[in-house]
Amino acid sequence: GAGDEHMPKSMSSAIREMKAAEQVKESSWEGCLSQQGGDCPYWRRRFFRLQGTKLTAYHEHTRQPRATINLSKATRLIDDQKSLVADPTSGHPTKGRRKSAFAEEDDGYQFVEEGFRMRFANGETIDFYADSAADKDAWMKALGSCIGKPSTSSTAKWTDVVLTKERS
């Protein structure tokens, strides 16, 4: 079971933790995204399945699992088009060939229209882009609910015990 140090200090804190735990546990989404970063040095289109704080990448055609991203280790989901759309050399938004989802602080890469970036505690970043603005919005909403949240697989969390008993 959960130790005393992991128990909430008040009823309002217990309710807050339960709502957050339920939201993370129920987070699920799936679809195709293109990824650069993590285990992909170049842009690669993949099928992704989000379950709780686990984002699993599958081969686009064979659906064989390729990698799992632990979103509880992610610190930020970045979708800041204003600072990242501009070409640093001209000061104007650019169109054209995809290079990277976001401009690094020092590089002149352009922004991918339906792109977003995931930043992790260790400094690593993974860039993604969706097929459409609607797909991107859906992914941002689904991922935003679990980025940086405690992992659903962490052992003996009191919220997991309650949610399991509640559903049985």
N, C-alpha and C. Protein backbone atom coordinates (compact mmCIF):
# COMPACT_ATOMS: atom_id res chain seq x y z
N GLY A 1 0.81 -1.19 0.00
CA GLY A 1 0.00 0.00 0.00
C GLY A 1 0.85 1.25 0.00
N ALA A 2 0.22 2.37 0.01
CA ALA A 2 0.91 3.66 0.00
C ALA A 2 1.32 4.02 1.41
N GLY A 3 2.54 4.56 1.54
CA GLY A 3 3.03 4.98 2.85
C GLY A 3 2.45 6.31 3.24
N ASP A 4 2.54 6.64 4.53
CA ASP A 4 1.99 7.91 5.02
C ASP A 4 2.56 9.13 4.32
N GLU A 5 3.85 9.06 3.93
CA GLU A 5 4.47 10.23 3.30
C GLU A 5 3.86 10.53 1.93
N HIS A 6 3.15 9.57 1.35
CA HIS A 6 2.55 9.78 0.03
C HIS A 6 1.06 10.10 0.11
N MET A 7 0.53 10.18 1.30
CA MET A 7 -0.90 10.44 1.48
C MET A 7 -1.16 11.95 1.49
N PRO A 8 -2.33 12.37 1.00
CA PRO A 8 -2.65 13.81 0.99
C PRO A 8 -2.81 14.35 2.41
N LYS A 9 -2.56 15.64 2.54
CA LYS A 9 -2.62 16.28 3.87
C LYS A 9 -4.02 16.79 4.21
N SER A 10 -4.90 16.90 3.21
CA SER A 10 -6.26 17.40 3.46
C SER A 10 -7.22 16.79 2.45
N MET A 11 -8.51 16.94 2.72
CA MET A 11 -9.53 16.43 1.80
C MET A 11 -9.47 17.15 0.45
N SER A 12 -9.28 18.47 0.47
CA SER A 12 -9.23 19.21 -0.80
C SER A 12 -8.02 18.77 -1.62
N SER A 13 -6.91 18.50 -0.96
CA SER A 13 -5.73 18.02 -1.66
C SER A 13 -5.98 16.60 -2.20
N ALA A 14 -6.71 15.77 -1.45
CA ALA A 14 -7.05 14.42 -1.90
C ALA A 14 -7.93 14.48 -3.15
N ILE A 15 -8.90 15.37 -3.14
CA ILE A 15 -9.81 15.52 -4.29
C ILE A 15 -9.04 15.99 -5.52
N ARG A 16 -8.15 16.99 -5.33
CA ARG A 16 -7.31 17.49 -6.43
C ARG A 16 -6.47 16.36 -7.02
N GLU A 17 -5.81 15.59 -6.15
CA GLU A 17 -4.95 14.49 -6.62
C GLU A 17 -5.76 13.41 -7.34
N MET A 18 -6.96 13.12 -6.85
CA MET A 18 -7.81 12.12 -7.50
C MET A 18 -8.24 12.57 -8.89
N LYS A 19 -8.62 13.85 -9.02
CA LYS A 19 -9.03 14.37 -10.34
C LYS A 19 -7.86 14.30 -11.33
N ALA A 20 -6.67 14.70 -10.87
CA ALA A 20 -5.49 14.67 -11.73
C ALA A 20 -5.14 13.23 -12.13
N ALA A 21 -5.20 12.31 -11.17
CA ALA A 21 -4.87 10.90 -11.45
C ALA A 21 -5.86 10.29 -12.44
N GLU A 22 -7.13 10.61 -12.27
CA GLU A 22 -8.15 10.07 -13.16
C GLU A 22 -7.97 10.61 -14.58
N GLN A 23 -7.64 11.89 -14.68
CA GLN A 23 -7.43 12.51 -15.99
C GLN A 23 -6.26 11.85 -16.72
N VAL A 24 -5.15 11.62 -16.00
CA VAL A 24 -3.98 11.00 -16.62
C VAL A 24 -4.28 9.56 -17.00
N LYS A 25 -4.90 8.81 -16.10
CA LYS A 25 -5.18 7.40 -16.35
C LYS A 25 -6.09 7.22 -17.57
N GLU A 26 -7.01 8.16 -17.77
CA GLU A 26 -7.96 8.05 -18.88
C GLU A 26 -7.45 8.68 -20.17
N SER A 27 -6.27 9.31 -20.14
CA SER A 27 -5.73 9.93 -21.34
C SER A 27 -5.41 8.85 -22.36
N SER A 28 -6.02 8.95 -23.51
CA SER A 28 -5.68 8.03 -24.58
C SER A 28 -6.00 8.71 -25.91
N TRP A 29 -5.17 8.42 -26.88
CA TRP A 29 -5.35 8.97 -28.22
C TRP A 29 -4.48 8.15 -29.14
N GLU A 30 -4.80 8.14 -30.41
CA GLU A 30 -3.94 7.46 -31.37
C GLU A 30 -4.08 8.08 -32.73
N GLY A 31 -3.02 7.92 -33.53
CA GLY A 31 -3.02 8.46 -34.88
C GLY A 31 -1.59 8.60 -35.37
N CYS A 32 -1.46 9.12 -36.58
CA CYS A 32 -0.14 9.27 -37.18
C CYS A 32 0.43 10.65 -36.93
N LEU A 33 1.72 10.68 -36.66
CA LEU A 33 2.50 11.90 -36.53
C LEU A 33 3.84 11.65 -37.20
N SER A 34 4.51 12.70 -37.61
CA SER A 34 5.89 12.58 -38.05
C SER A 34 6.76 13.03 -36.89
N GLN A 35 7.87 12.33 -36.68
CA GLN A 35 8.74 12.56 -35.53
C GLN A 35 10.18 12.77 -35.97
N GLN A 36 10.86 13.70 -35.31
CA GLN A 36 12.31 13.85 -35.43
C GLN A 36 12.84 14.06 -34.03
N GLY A 37 13.83 13.28 -33.65
CA GLY A 37 14.35 13.33 -32.29
C GLY A 37 14.07 12.01 -31.60
N GLY A 38 14.61 11.82 -30.41
CA GLY A 38 14.47 10.53 -29.75
C GLY A 38 15.24 9.50 -30.55
N ASP A 39 14.60 8.45 -31.00
CA ASP A 39 15.29 7.42 -31.79
C ASP A 39 15.24 7.70 -33.29
N CYS A 40 14.75 8.88 -33.70
CA CYS A 40 14.65 9.23 -35.13
C CYS A 40 15.55 10.43 -35.46
N PRO A 41 16.72 10.18 -36.05
CA PRO A 41 17.59 11.31 -36.41
C PRO A 41 17.02 12.15 -37.56
N TYR A 42 16.14 11.55 -38.37
CA TYR A 42 15.50 12.24 -39.50
C TYR A 42 13.99 12.12 -39.33
N TRP A 43 13.25 12.99 -40.05
CA TRP A 43 11.79 12.92 -39.97
C TRP A 43 11.31 11.53 -40.35
N ARG A 44 10.43 10.95 -39.53
CA ARG A 44 9.85 9.65 -39.81
C ARG A 44 8.38 9.68 -39.42
N ARG A 45 7.55 9.21 -40.32
CA ARG A 45 6.11 9.13 -40.04
C ARG A 45 5.85 7.83 -39.29
N ARG A 46 5.09 7.94 -38.20
CA ARG A 46 4.79 6.77 -37.37
C ARG A 46 3.36 6.82 -36.88
N PHE A 47 2.85 5.67 -36.52
CA PHE A 47 1.56 5.57 -35.84
C PHE A 47 1.87 5.63 -34.34
N PHE A 48 1.14 6.47 -33.60
CA PHE A 48 1.36 6.61 -32.16
C PHE A 48 0.10 6.26 -31.39
N ARG A 49 0.31 5.67 -30.21
CA ARG A 49 -0.81 5.39 -29.31
C ARG A 49 -0.45 5.94 -27.93
N LEU A 50 -1.31 6.82 -27.41
CA LEU A 50 -1.13 7.41 -26.08
C LEU A 50 -2.01 6.64 -25.11
N GLN A 51 -1.40 6.15 -24.03
CA GLN A 51 -2.15 5.48 -22.97
C GLN A 51 -1.58 5.95 -21.64
N GLY A 52 -2.34 6.79 -20.94
CA GLY A 52 -1.82 7.36 -19.68
C GLY A 52 -0.63 8.25 -19.98
N THR A 53 0.52 7.99 -19.33
CA THR A 53 1.72 8.80 -19.58
C THR A 53 2.68 8.08 -20.52
N LYS A 54 2.20 7.08 -21.24
CA LYS A 54 3.03 6.31 -22.17
C LYS A 54 2.62 6.61 -23.60
N LEU A 55 3.56 7.12 -24.40
CA LEU A 55 3.32 7.36 -25.82
C LEU A 55 4.15 6.34 -26.59
N THR A 56 3.48 5.39 -27.24
CA THR A 56 4.19 4.32 -27.94
C THR A 56 4.16 4.59 -29.43
N ALA A 57 5.35 4.50 -30.06
CA ALA A 57 5.49 4.68 -31.50
C ALA A 57 5.50 3.32 -32.17
N TYR A 58 4.77 3.20 -33.27
CA TYR A 58 4.69 1.96 -34.02
C TYR A 58 5.13 2.24 -35.46
N HIS A 59 5.60 1.20 -36.14
CA HIS A 59 5.91 1.32 -37.56
C HIS A 59 4.62 1.69 -38.28
N GLU A 60 4.72 2.63 -39.22
CA GLU A 60 3.51 3.15 -39.88
C GLU A 60 2.69 2.06 -40.57
N HIS A 61 3.35 1.09 -41.19
CA HIS A 61 2.63 0.08 -41.96
C HIS A 61 2.45 -1.24 -41.22
N THR A 62 3.51 -1.75 -40.57
CA THR A 62 3.43 -3.06 -39.92
C THR A 62 2.82 -2.99 -38.53
N ARG A 63 2.76 -1.79 -37.94
CA ARG A 63 2.25 -1.56 -36.58
C ARG A 63 3.07 -2.28 -35.51
N GLN A 64 4.33 -2.60 -35.83
CA GLN A 64 5.23 -3.18 -34.83
C GLN A 64 5.68 -2.06 -33.90
N PRO A 65 5.67 -2.29 -32.56
CA PRO A 65 6.12 -1.24 -31.63
C PRO A 65 7.59 -0.91 -31.88
N ARG A 66 7.92 0.38 -31.90
CA ARG A 66 9.29 0.83 -32.16
C ARG A 66 9.93 1.50 -30.95
N ALA A 67 9.16 2.28 -30.21
CA ALA A 67 9.72 3.02 -29.07
C ALA A 67 8.58 3.46 -28.16
N THR A 68 8.92 3.66 -26.89
CA THR A 68 7.94 4.18 -25.93
C THR A 68 8.53 5.42 -25.28
N ILE A 69 7.76 6.49 -25.26
CA ILE A 69 8.18 7.75 -24.66
C ILE A 69 7.44 7.91 -23.34
N ASN A 70 8.19 8.10 -22.26
CA ASN A 70 7.60 8.28 -20.93
C ASN A 70 7.30 9.77 -20.75
N LEU A 71 6.03 10.14 -20.86
CA LEU A 71 5.64 11.55 -20.80
C LEU A 71 5.74 12.14 -19.40
N SER A 72 5.87 11.29 -18.37
CA SER A 72 6.04 11.83 -17.02
C SER A 72 7.42 12.48 -16.89
N LYS A 73 8.33 12.16 -17.82
CA LYS A 73 9.67 12.78 -17.82
C LYS A 73 9.73 14.03 -18.70
N ALA A 74 8.65 14.29 -19.43
CA ALA A 74 8.58 15.50 -20.26
C ALA A 74 8.23 16.69 -19.38
N THR A 75 8.85 17.83 -19.67
CA THR A 75 8.59 19.01 -18.85
C THR A 75 7.72 20.04 -19.55
N ARG A 76 7.73 20.03 -20.89
CA ARG A 76 6.99 21.06 -21.62
C ARG A 76 6.53 20.58 -22.98
N LEU A 77 5.36 21.05 -23.38
CA LEU A 77 4.85 20.85 -24.72
C LEU A 77 4.84 22.25 -25.33
N ILE A 78 5.64 22.46 -26.38
CA ILE A 78 5.84 23.80 -26.92
C ILE A 78 5.12 23.96 -28.25
N ASP A 79 4.31 25.00 -28.32
CA ASP A 79 3.56 25.32 -29.53
C ASP A 79 3.55 26.84 -29.67
N ASP A 80 4.72 27.44 -29.63
CA ASP A 80 4.84 28.89 -29.61
C ASP A 80 5.19 29.39 -31.00
N GLN A 81 4.18 29.52 -31.84
CA GLN A 81 4.42 29.89 -33.22
C GLN A 81 5.00 31.29 -33.38
N LYS A 82 4.63 32.21 -32.52
CA LYS A 82 5.07 33.60 -32.71
C LYS A 82 6.60 33.71 -32.71
N SER A 83 7.25 33.02 -31.77
CA SER A 83 8.70 33.15 -31.71
C SER A 83 9.40 32.15 -32.61
N LEU A 84 8.68 31.14 -33.11
CA LEU A 84 9.35 30.09 -33.86
C LEU A 84 9.03 30.07 -35.35
N VAL A 85 8.05 30.86 -35.79
CA VAL A 85 7.69 30.85 -37.21
C VAL A 85 8.66 31.70 -38.03
N ALA A 86 9.18 32.75 -37.45
CA ALA A 86 10.01 33.68 -38.20
C ALA A 86 11.36 33.08 -38.58
N ASP A 87 11.79 33.37 -39.80
CA ASP A 87 13.13 33.01 -40.23
C ASP A 87 14.06 34.06 -39.61
N PRO A 88 15.00 33.65 -38.73
CA PRO A 88 15.84 34.62 -38.03
C PRO A 88 16.64 35.53 -38.97
N THR A 89 16.92 35.08 -40.21
CA THR A 89 17.72 35.89 -41.12
C THR A 89 16.90 36.98 -41.80
N SER A 90 15.57 36.75 -41.98
CA SER A 90 14.77 37.75 -42.68
C SER A 90 13.76 38.45 -41.78
N GLY A 91 13.41 37.79 -40.67
CA GLY A 91 12.40 38.36 -39.79
C GLY A 91 10.98 38.13 -40.26
N HIS A 92 10.83 37.37 -41.35
CA HIS A 92 9.49 37.10 -41.89
C HIS A 92 9.18 35.61 -41.81
N PRO A 93 7.90 35.27 -41.58
CA PRO A 93 7.51 33.86 -41.61
C PRO A 93 7.84 33.27 -42.98
N THR A 94 8.26 32.01 -43.00
CA THR A 94 8.65 31.39 -44.25
C THR A 94 7.76 30.21 -44.58
N LYS A 95 7.69 29.91 -45.86
CA LYS A 95 6.99 28.71 -46.34
C LYS A 95 8.04 27.90 -47.09
N GLY A 96 7.72 26.64 -47.34
CA GLY A 96 8.65 25.85 -48.13
C GLY A 96 8.91 24.49 -47.53
N ARG A 97 10.08 23.97 -47.81
CA ARG A 97 10.44 22.62 -47.42
C ARG A 97 10.61 22.49 -45.91
N ARG A 98 10.16 21.36 -45.35
CA ARG A 98 10.30 21.12 -43.91
C ARG A 98 11.75 20.80 -43.59
N LYS A 99 12.29 21.48 -42.60
CA LYS A 99 13.65 21.17 -42.14
C LYS A 99 13.60 20.62 -40.74
N SER A 100 13.01 21.37 -39.83
CA SER A 100 12.85 20.93 -38.45
C SER A 100 11.58 21.58 -37.94
N ALA A 101 11.00 21.02 -36.90
CA ALA A 101 9.74 21.56 -36.42
C ALA A 101 9.91 22.94 -35.83
N PHE A 102 11.03 23.20 -35.22
CA PHE A 102 11.20 24.46 -34.52
C PHE A 102 12.59 25.03 -34.75
N ALA A 103 12.67 26.34 -34.62
CA ALA A 103 13.97 26.99 -34.71
C ALA A 103 14.69 26.80 -33.39
N GLU A 104 15.89 26.25 -33.45
CA GLU A 104 16.73 26.22 -32.25
C GLU A 104 17.14 27.66 -32.01
N GLU A 105 17.53 27.97 -30.79
CA GLU A 105 17.89 29.35 -30.46
C GLU A 105 18.95 29.90 -31.43
N ASP A 106 19.90 29.04 -31.84
CA ASP A 106 21.02 29.51 -32.67
C ASP A 106 20.86 29.18 -34.15
N ASP A 107 19.98 28.25 -34.49
CA ASP A 107 19.88 27.81 -35.87
C ASP A 107 18.78 28.54 -36.62
N GLY A 108 18.85 28.48 -37.94
CA GLY A 108 17.87 29.17 -38.76
C GLY A 108 16.83 28.25 -39.35
N TYR A 109 16.47 27.18 -38.65
CA TYR A 109 15.46 26.27 -39.17
C TYR A 109 14.09 26.92 -39.14
N GLN A 110 13.25 26.50 -40.04
CA GLN A 110 11.90 27.07 -40.09
C GLN A 110 10.92 26.19 -39.34
N PHE A 111 9.79 26.77 -39.04
CA PHE A 111 8.74 26.10 -38.29
C PHE A 111 7.86 25.27 -39.21
N VAL A 112 7.52 24.07 -38.80
CA VAL A 112 6.57 23.25 -39.54
C VAL A 112 5.18 23.65 -39.09
N GLU A 113 4.31 23.96 -40.02
CA GLU A 113 2.99 24.53 -39.71
C GLU A 113 2.22 23.78 -38.63
N GLU A 114 2.10 22.48 -38.74
CA GLU A 114 1.35 21.70 -37.73
C GLU A 114 2.30 21.05 -36.73
N GLY A 115 3.42 21.72 -36.45
CA GLY A 115 4.44 21.13 -35.58
C GLY A 115 4.32 21.53 -34.13
N PHE A 116 4.91 20.70 -33.27
CA PHE A 116 5.04 21.01 -31.85
C PHE A 116 6.26 20.28 -31.31
N ARG A 117 6.74 20.71 -30.18
CA ARG A 117 7.95 20.16 -29.59
C ARG A 117 7.68 19.70 -28.17
N MET A 118 8.30 18.59 -27.82
CA MET A 118 8.25 18.06 -26.47
C MET A 118 9.65 18.21 -25.87
N ARG A 119 9.73 18.85 -24.71
CA ARG A 119 11.03 19.03 -24.05
C ARG A 119 11.04 18.18 -22.78
N PHE A 120 12.19 17.54 -22.51
CA PHE A 120 12.33 16.64 -21.37
C PHE A 120 13.28 17.21 -20.33
N ALA A 121 13.18 16.69 -19.10
CA ALA A 121 13.98 17.17 -17.98
C ALA A 121 15.48 17.08 -18.26
N ASN A 122 15.90 16.09 -19.06
CA ASN A 122 17.33 15.92 -19.35
C ASN A 122 17.81 16.83 -20.48
N GLY A 123 16.93 17.72 -20.97
CA GLY A 123 17.31 18.66 -22.03
C GLY A 123 16.99 18.17 -23.43
N GLU A 124 16.66 16.90 -23.57
CA GLU A 124 16.33 16.34 -24.88
C GLU A 124 15.03 16.94 -25.40
N THR A 125 14.94 17.07 -26.72
CA THR A 125 13.69 17.53 -27.35
C THR A 125 13.31 16.54 -28.44
N ILE A 126 12.02 16.38 -28.64
CA ILE A 126 11.51 15.59 -29.76
C ILE A 126 10.49 16.47 -30.47
N ASP A 127 10.64 16.59 -31.79
CA ASP A 127 9.74 17.39 -32.60
C ASP A 127 8.74 16.47 -33.31
N PHE A 128 7.53 16.97 -33.44
CA PHE A 128 6.46 16.23 -34.11
C PHE A 128 5.73 17.17 -35.04
N TYR A 129 5.09 16.63 -36.08
CA TYR A 129 4.08 17.40 -36.80
C TYR A 129 2.95 16.48 -37.22
N ALA A 130 1.76 17.04 -37.22
CA ALA A 130 0.54 16.31 -37.56
C ALA A 130 0.18 16.58 -39.01
N ASP A 131 -0.76 15.80 -39.52
CA ASP A 131 -1.19 15.95 -40.92
C ASP A 131 -2.07 17.17 -41.15
N SER A 132 -2.75 17.64 -40.11
CA SER A 132 -3.66 18.78 -40.26
C SER A 132 -3.71 19.56 -38.96
N ALA A 133 -4.25 20.77 -39.04
CA ALA A 133 -4.40 21.60 -37.84
C ALA A 133 -5.33 20.92 -36.83
N ALA A 134 -6.37 20.25 -37.32
CA ALA A 134 -7.31 19.56 -36.42
C ALA A 134 -6.63 18.41 -35.69
N ASP A 135 -5.80 17.64 -36.43
CA ASP A 135 -5.05 16.54 -35.80
C ASP A 135 -4.09 17.08 -34.75
N LYS A 136 -3.43 18.17 -35.10
CA LYS A 136 -2.48 18.77 -34.16
C LYS A 136 -3.20 19.20 -32.88
N ASP A 137 -4.33 19.88 -33.03
CA ASP A 137 -5.09 20.35 -31.86
C ASP A 137 -5.50 19.18 -30.97
N ALA A 138 -5.93 18.08 -31.58
CA ALA A 138 -6.34 16.90 -30.81
C ALA A 138 -5.16 16.31 -30.06
N TRP A 139 -4.00 16.22 -30.73
CA TRP A 139 -2.79 15.69 -30.06
C TRP A 139 -2.35 16.62 -28.94
N MET A 140 -2.38 17.93 -29.18
CA MET A 140 -1.96 18.89 -28.15
C MET A 140 -2.84 18.75 -26.91
N LYS A 141 -4.13 18.59 -27.11
CA LYS A 141 -5.06 18.45 -25.98
C LYS A 141 -4.77 17.15 -25.22
N ALA A 142 -4.62 16.04 -25.95
CA ALA A 142 -4.38 14.74 -25.32
C ALA A 142 -3.03 14.73 -24.60
N LEU A 143 -1.98 15.21 -25.26
CA LEU A 143 -0.65 15.20 -24.65
C LEU A 143 -0.55 16.20 -23.51
N GLY A 144 -1.20 17.35 -23.67
CA GLY A 144 -1.15 18.39 -22.64
C GLY A 144 -1.70 17.93 -21.30
N SER A 145 -2.62 16.95 -21.33
CA SER A 145 -3.20 16.48 -20.08
C SER A 145 -2.28 15.53 -19.33
N CYS A 146 -1.18 15.08 -19.96
CA CYS A 146 -0.31 14.14 -19.23
C CYS A 146 1.17 14.50 -19.24
N ILE A 147 1.57 15.55 -19.93
CA ILE A 147 2.98 15.97 -19.91
C ILE A 147 3.36 16.38 -18.50
N GLY A 148 4.43 15.78 -17.99
CA GLY A 148 4.95 16.14 -16.67
C GLY A 148 4.12 15.65 -15.50
N LYS A 149 3.07 14.86 -15.77
CA LYS A 149 2.26 14.31 -14.68
C LYS A 149 2.94 13.04 -14.18
N PRO A 150 2.70 12.67 -12.92
CA PRO A 150 3.31 11.44 -12.41
C PRO A 150 2.90 10.24 -13.26
N SER A 151 3.83 9.33 -13.44
CA SER A 151 3.60 8.14 -14.25
C SER A 151 2.47 7.29 -13.67
N THR A 152 1.65 6.74 -14.55
CA THR A 152 0.56 5.88 -14.10
C THR A 152 1.09 4.54 -13.61
N SER A 153 2.36 4.24 -13.92
CA SER A 153 2.91 2.95 -13.50
C SER A 153 3.67 3.04 -12.19
N SER A 154 3.76 4.23 -11.59
CA SER A 154 4.50 4.34 -10.33
C SER A 154 3.81 3.47 -9.28
N THR A 155 4.61 2.74 -8.51
CA THR A 155 4.06 1.71 -7.63
C THR A 155 3.35 2.29 -6.43
N ALA A 156 2.25 1.65 -6.09
CA ALA A 156 1.50 1.89 -4.86
C ALA A 156 1.08 3.34 -4.64
N LYS A 157 0.73 4.05 -5.70
CA LYS A 157 0.17 5.39 -5.48
C LYS A 157 -1.23 5.21 -4.93
N TRP A 158 -1.56 5.96 -3.91
CA TRP A 158 -2.87 5.81 -3.28
C TRP A 158 -4.01 6.08 -4.27
N THR A 159 -3.76 6.99 -5.23
CA THR A 159 -4.81 7.30 -6.21
C THR A 159 -5.09 6.09 -7.10
N ASP A 160 -4.04 5.34 -7.46
CA ASP A 160 -4.23 4.14 -8.28
C ASP A 160 -5.05 3.10 -7.54
N VAL A 161 -4.78 2.94 -6.24
CA VAL A 161 -5.52 1.98 -5.42
C VAL A 161 -7.00 2.35 -5.41
N VAL A 162 -7.29 3.63 -5.19
CA VAL A 162 -8.69 4.10 -5.14
C VAL A 162 -9.37 3.90 -6.50
N LEU A 163 -8.69 4.30 -7.58
CA LEU A 163 -9.29 4.17 -8.92
C LEU A 163 -9.56 2.71 -9.27
N THR A 164 -8.65 1.82 -8.90
CA THR A 164 -8.83 0.39 -9.18
C THR A 164 -10.03 -0.16 -8.41
N LYS A 165 -10.12 0.17 -7.13
CA LYS A 165 -11.24 -0.32 -6.31
C LYS A 165 -12.57 0.26 -6.81
N GLU A 166 -12.54 1.53 -7.21
CA GLU A 166 -13.75 2.20 -7.68
C GLU A 166 -14.31 1.53 -8.94
N ARG A 167 -13.42 1.05 -9.79
CA ARG A 167 -13.84 0.47 -11.08
C ARG A 167 -14.19 -1.00 -10.98
N SER A 168 -13.87 -1.66 -9.86
CA SER A 168 -14.14 -3.11 -9.76
C SER A 168 -15.52 -3.38 -9.19
